[in-house]
Amino acid sequence: MPLDKKRKPHQLRPPDRIELDEPCFEMRASGELFADYEEYVDALMSYQARTWSCALTGKGKLTFEEAQLSERQAQRKVDEAFPEMYVEPLCRMAHMSQVRMDELIERAFVRHEPL
């Protein structure tokens, strides 16, 4: 999920109670529904502001939609580059591990390096 300027993940606001016959406004980027036009415009302005960053790459000064696109592209690159056969063993190794992150990475690299 894209991060806002305070480096917090974006949280979708709970939908207003909207009746079926009431007009509403949908945010294209997030799918949020707004019964009040003023709230919709405020949210739209915050999504279009260049205050968002990609949670995976750290790229900053993006709009919300650009940050979403950056995250999808980065995740696709990781999925393509990381062999599926290593996912389960590395997850088992990292789960409940109490060693420092740099030590864990070194152990994983040594254990799974190609011969």
C-alpha atoms as a PDB file:
ATOM      1  CA  MET A   1       0.000   0.000   0.000  1.00  0.00           C
ATOM      2  CA  PRO A   2       1.402   3.421  -0.830  1.00  0.00           C
ATOM      3  CA  LEU A   3       2.807   5.452   2.040  1.00  0.00           C
ATOM      4  CA  ASP A   4       1.716   9.003   2.740  1.00  0.00           C
ATOM      5  CA  LYS A   5       4.080  11.837   3.634  1.00  0.00           C
ATOM      6  CA  LYS A   6       4.191  10.643   7.253  1.00  0.00           C
ATOM      7  CA  ARG A   7       5.453   7.229   6.082  1.00  0.00           C
ATOM      8  CA  LYS A   8       2.256   5.514   7.187  1.00  0.00           C
ATOM      9  CA  PRO A   9       0.472   2.994   4.964  1.00  0.00           C
ATOM     10  CA  HIS A  10      -2.698   4.332   3.414  1.00  0.00           C
ATOM     11  CA  GLN A  11      -5.792   3.183   5.276  1.00  0.00           C
ATOM     12  CA  LEU A  12      -9.068   3.092   3.400  1.00  0.00           C
ATOM     13  CA  ARG A  13     -11.677   5.022   5.287  1.00  0.00           C
ATOM     14  CA  PRO A  14     -14.785   3.048   6.202  1.00  0.00           C
ATOM     15  CA  PRO A  15     -17.586   3.733   3.723  1.00  0.00           C
ATOM     16  CA  ASP A  16     -20.317   6.133   4.725  1.00  0.00           C
ATOM     17  CA  ARG A  17     -23.719   4.626   5.190  1.00  0.00           C
ATOM     18  CA  ILE A  18     -25.041   5.172   1.674  1.00  0.00           C
ATOM     19  CA  GLU A  19     -28.504   4.118   0.633  1.00  0.00           C
ATOM     20  CA  LEU A  20     -28.981   2.534  -2.783  1.00  0.00           C
ATOM     21  CA  ASP A  21     -31.024   5.444  -4.130  1.00  0.00           C
ATOM     22  CA  GLU A  22     -28.615   8.145  -2.903  1.00  0.00           C
ATOM     23  CA  PRO A  23     -26.048   9.682  -5.232  1.00  0.00           C
ATOM     24  CA  CYS A  24     -22.453   8.953  -4.228  1.00  0.00           C
ATOM     25  CA  PHE A  25     -18.932   9.641  -5.420  1.00  0.00           C
ATOM     26  CA  GLU A  26     -16.384   6.874  -5.986  1.00  0.00           C
ATOM     27  CA  MET A  27     -12.647   7.435  -5.745  1.00  0.00           C
ATOM     28  CA  ARG A  28     -11.136   5.760  -8.823  1.00  0.00           C
ATOM     29  CA  ALA A  29      -7.756   5.136  -7.216  1.00  0.00           C
ATOM     30  CA  SER A  30      -8.976   3.418  -4.069  1.00  0.00           C
ATOM     31  CA  GLY A  31     -12.603   2.435  -4.624  1.00  0.00           C
ATOM     32  CA  GLU A  32     -13.743   4.475  -1.622  1.00  0.00           C
ATOM     33  CA  LEU A  33     -17.305   5.801  -1.641  1.00  0.00           C
ATOM     34  CA  PHE A  34     -18.276   9.264  -0.457  1.00  0.00           C
ATOM     35  CA  ALA A  35     -21.775  10.565   0.212  1.00  0.00           C
ATOM     36  CA  ASP A  36     -20.489  14.107   0.703  1.00  0.00           C
ATOM     37  CA  TYR A  37     -18.982  15.911  -2.284  1.00  0.00           C
ATOM     38  CA  GLU A  38     -16.705  18.090  -0.132  1.00  0.00           C
ATOM     39  CA  GLU A  39     -15.118  15.035   1.502  1.00  0.00           C
ATOM     40  CA  TYR A  40     -14.680  13.477  -1.933  1.00  0.00           C
ATOM     41  CA  VAL A  41     -12.897  16.559  -3.285  1.00  0.00           C
ATOM     42  CA  ASP A  42     -10.641  16.746  -0.194  1.00  0.00           C
ATOM     43  CA  ALA A  43      -9.672  13.094  -0.622  1.00  0.00           C
ATOM     44  CA  LEU A  44      -9.175  13.567  -4.365  1.00  0.00           C
ATOM     45  CA  MET A  45      -6.798  16.467  -3.731  1.00  0.00           C
ATOM     46  CA  SER A  46      -4.798  14.412  -1.245  1.00  0.00           C
ATOM     47  CA  TYR A  47      -4.539  11.512  -3.742  1.00  0.00           C
ATOM     48  CA  GLN A  48      -3.371  13.872  -6.495  1.00  0.00           C
ATOM     49  CA  ALA A  49      -0.795  15.603  -4.296  1.00  0.00           C
ATOM     50  CA  ARG A  50       2.796  14.487  -4.786  1.00  0.00           C
ATOM     51  CA  THR A  51       3.187  13.411  -1.168  1.00  0.00           C
ATOM     52  CA  TRP A  52       3.005   9.646  -1.640  1.00  0.00           C
ATOM     53  CA  SER A  53       5.820   7.128  -1.863  1.00  0.00           C
ATOM     54  CA  CYS A  54       6.194   3.538  -2.962  1.00  0.00           C
ATOM     55  CA  ALA A  55       6.377   1.205   0.035  1.00  0.00           C
ATOM     56  CA  LEU A  56       8.654  -1.231  -1.816  1.00  0.00           C
ATOM     57  CA  THR A  57      11.169   1.003  -3.575  1.00  0.00           C
ATOM     58  CA  GLY A  58      11.040   4.137  -1.435  1.00  0.00           C
ATOM     59  CA  LYS A  59      10.461   6.378  -4.467  1.00  0.00           C
ATOM     60  CA  GLY A  60       8.899   9.584  -3.268  1.00  0.00           C
ATOM     61  CA  LYS A  61       7.000  12.611  -4.526  1.00  0.00           C
ATOM     62  CA  LEU A  62       4.439  10.473  -6.330  1.00  0.00           C
ATOM     63  CA  THR A  63       0.683  10.742  -6.618  1.00  0.00           C
ATOM     64  CA  PHE A  64      -1.312   7.913  -5.048  1.00  0.00           C
ATOM     65  CA  GLU A  65      -1.898   6.228  -8.416  1.00  0.00           C
ATOM     66  CA  GLU A  66       1.773   6.557  -9.402  1.00  0.00           C
ATOM     67  CA  ALA A  67       2.758   4.980  -6.071  1.00  0.00           C
ATOM     68  CA  GLN A  68       0.335   2.101  -6.685  1.00  0.00           C
ATOM     69  CA  LEU A  69       1.789   1.564 -10.169  1.00  0.00           C
ATOM     70  CA  SER A  70       5.348   1.685  -8.820  1.00  0.00           C
ATOM     71  CA  GLU A  71       4.465  -0.948  -6.204  1.00  0.00           C
ATOM     72  CA  ARG A  72       2.880  -3.257  -8.784  1.00  0.00           C
ATOM     73  CA  GLN A  73       5.934  -2.979 -11.052  1.00  0.00           C
ATOM     74  CA  ALA A  74       8.370  -3.557  -8.179  1.00  0.00           C
ATOM     75  CA  GLN A  75       6.392  -6.556  -6.922  1.00  0.00           C
ATOM     76  CA  ARG A  76       6.308  -8.039 -10.425  1.00  0.00           C
ATOM     77  CA  LYS A  77      10.107  -7.672 -10.702  1.00  0.00           C
ATOM     78  CA  VAL A  78      10.600  -9.390  -7.351  1.00  0.00           C
ATOM     79  CA  ASP A  79       8.207 -12.189  -8.286  1.00  0.00           C
ATOM     80  CA  GLU A  80      10.026 -12.766 -11.580  1.00  0.00           C
ATOM     81  CA  ALA A  81      13.532 -12.637 -10.075  1.00  0.00           C
ATOM     82  CA  PHE A  82      12.966 -14.680  -6.915  1.00  0.00           C
ATOM     83  CA  PRO A  83      12.730 -18.445  -7.532  1.00  0.00           C
ATOM     84  CA  GLU A  84       9.585 -20.008  -6.077  1.00  0.00           C
ATOM     85  CA  MET A  85      11.535 -22.977  -4.693  1.00  0.00           C
ATOM     86  CA  TYR A  86      13.247 -20.706  -2.131  1.00  0.00           C
ATOM     87  CA  VAL A  87      10.118 -19.060  -0.720  1.00  0.00           C
ATOM     88  CA  GLU A  88       9.062 -21.767   1.721  1.00  0.00           C
ATOM     89  CA  PRO A  89      12.540 -22.611   3.116  1.00  0.00           C
ATOM     90  CA  LEU A  90      13.405 -18.937   3.588  1.00  0.00           C
ATOM     91  CA  CYS A  91      10.079 -18.226   5.277  1.00  0.00           C
ATOM     92  CA  ARG A  92      10.672 -21.151   7.640  1.00  0.00           C
ATOM     93  CA  MET A  93      14.174 -19.864   8.356  1.00  0.00           C
ATOM     94  CA  ALA A  94      12.987 -16.307   9.075  1.00  0.00           C
ATOM     95  CA  HIS A  95       9.861 -17.213  11.043  1.00  0.00           C
ATOM     96  CA  MET A  96      10.384 -16.557  14.747  1.00  0.00           C
ATOM     97  CA  SER A  97      14.083 -15.964  14.178  1.00  0.00           C
ATOM     98  CA  GLN A  98      15.726 -13.881  16.880  1.00  0.00           C
ATOM     99  CA  VAL A  99      18.953 -13.045  15.064  1.00  0.00           C
ATOM    100  CA  ARG A 100      19.695  -9.633  13.578  1.00  0.00           C
ATOM    101  CA  MET A 101      18.449  -9.031  10.045  1.00  0.00           C
ATOM    102  CA  ASP A 102      21.927  -8.803   8.532  1.00  0.00           C
ATOM    103  CA  GLU A 103      22.881 -12.156  10.116  1.00  0.00           C
ATOM    104  CA  LEU A 104      19.675 -13.749   8.877  1.00  0.00           C
ATOM    105  CA  ILE A 105      20.342 -12.527   5.341  1.00  0.00           C
ATOM    106  CA  GLU A 106      23.916 -13.856   5.475  1.00  0.00           C
ATOM    107  CA  ARG A 107      22.730 -17.262   6.723  1.00  0.00           C
ATOM    108  CA  ALA A 108      20.072 -17.457   4.016  1.00  0.00           C
ATOM    109  CA  PHE A 109      22.577 -16.529   1.314  1.00  0.00           C
ATOM    110  CA  VAL A 110      25.152 -19.084   2.481  1.00  0.00           C
ATOM    111  CA  ARG A 111      22.552 -21.824   2.856  1.00  0.00           C
ATOM    112  CA  HIS A 112      20.912 -21.289  -0.529  1.00  0.00           C
ATOM    113  CA  GLU A 113      23.788 -20.167  -2.739  1.00  0.00           C
ATOM    114  CA  PRO A 114      24.183 -22.136  -5.970  1.00  0.00           C
ATOM    115  CA  LEU A 115      26.962 -24.732  -6.013  1.00  0.00           C
END
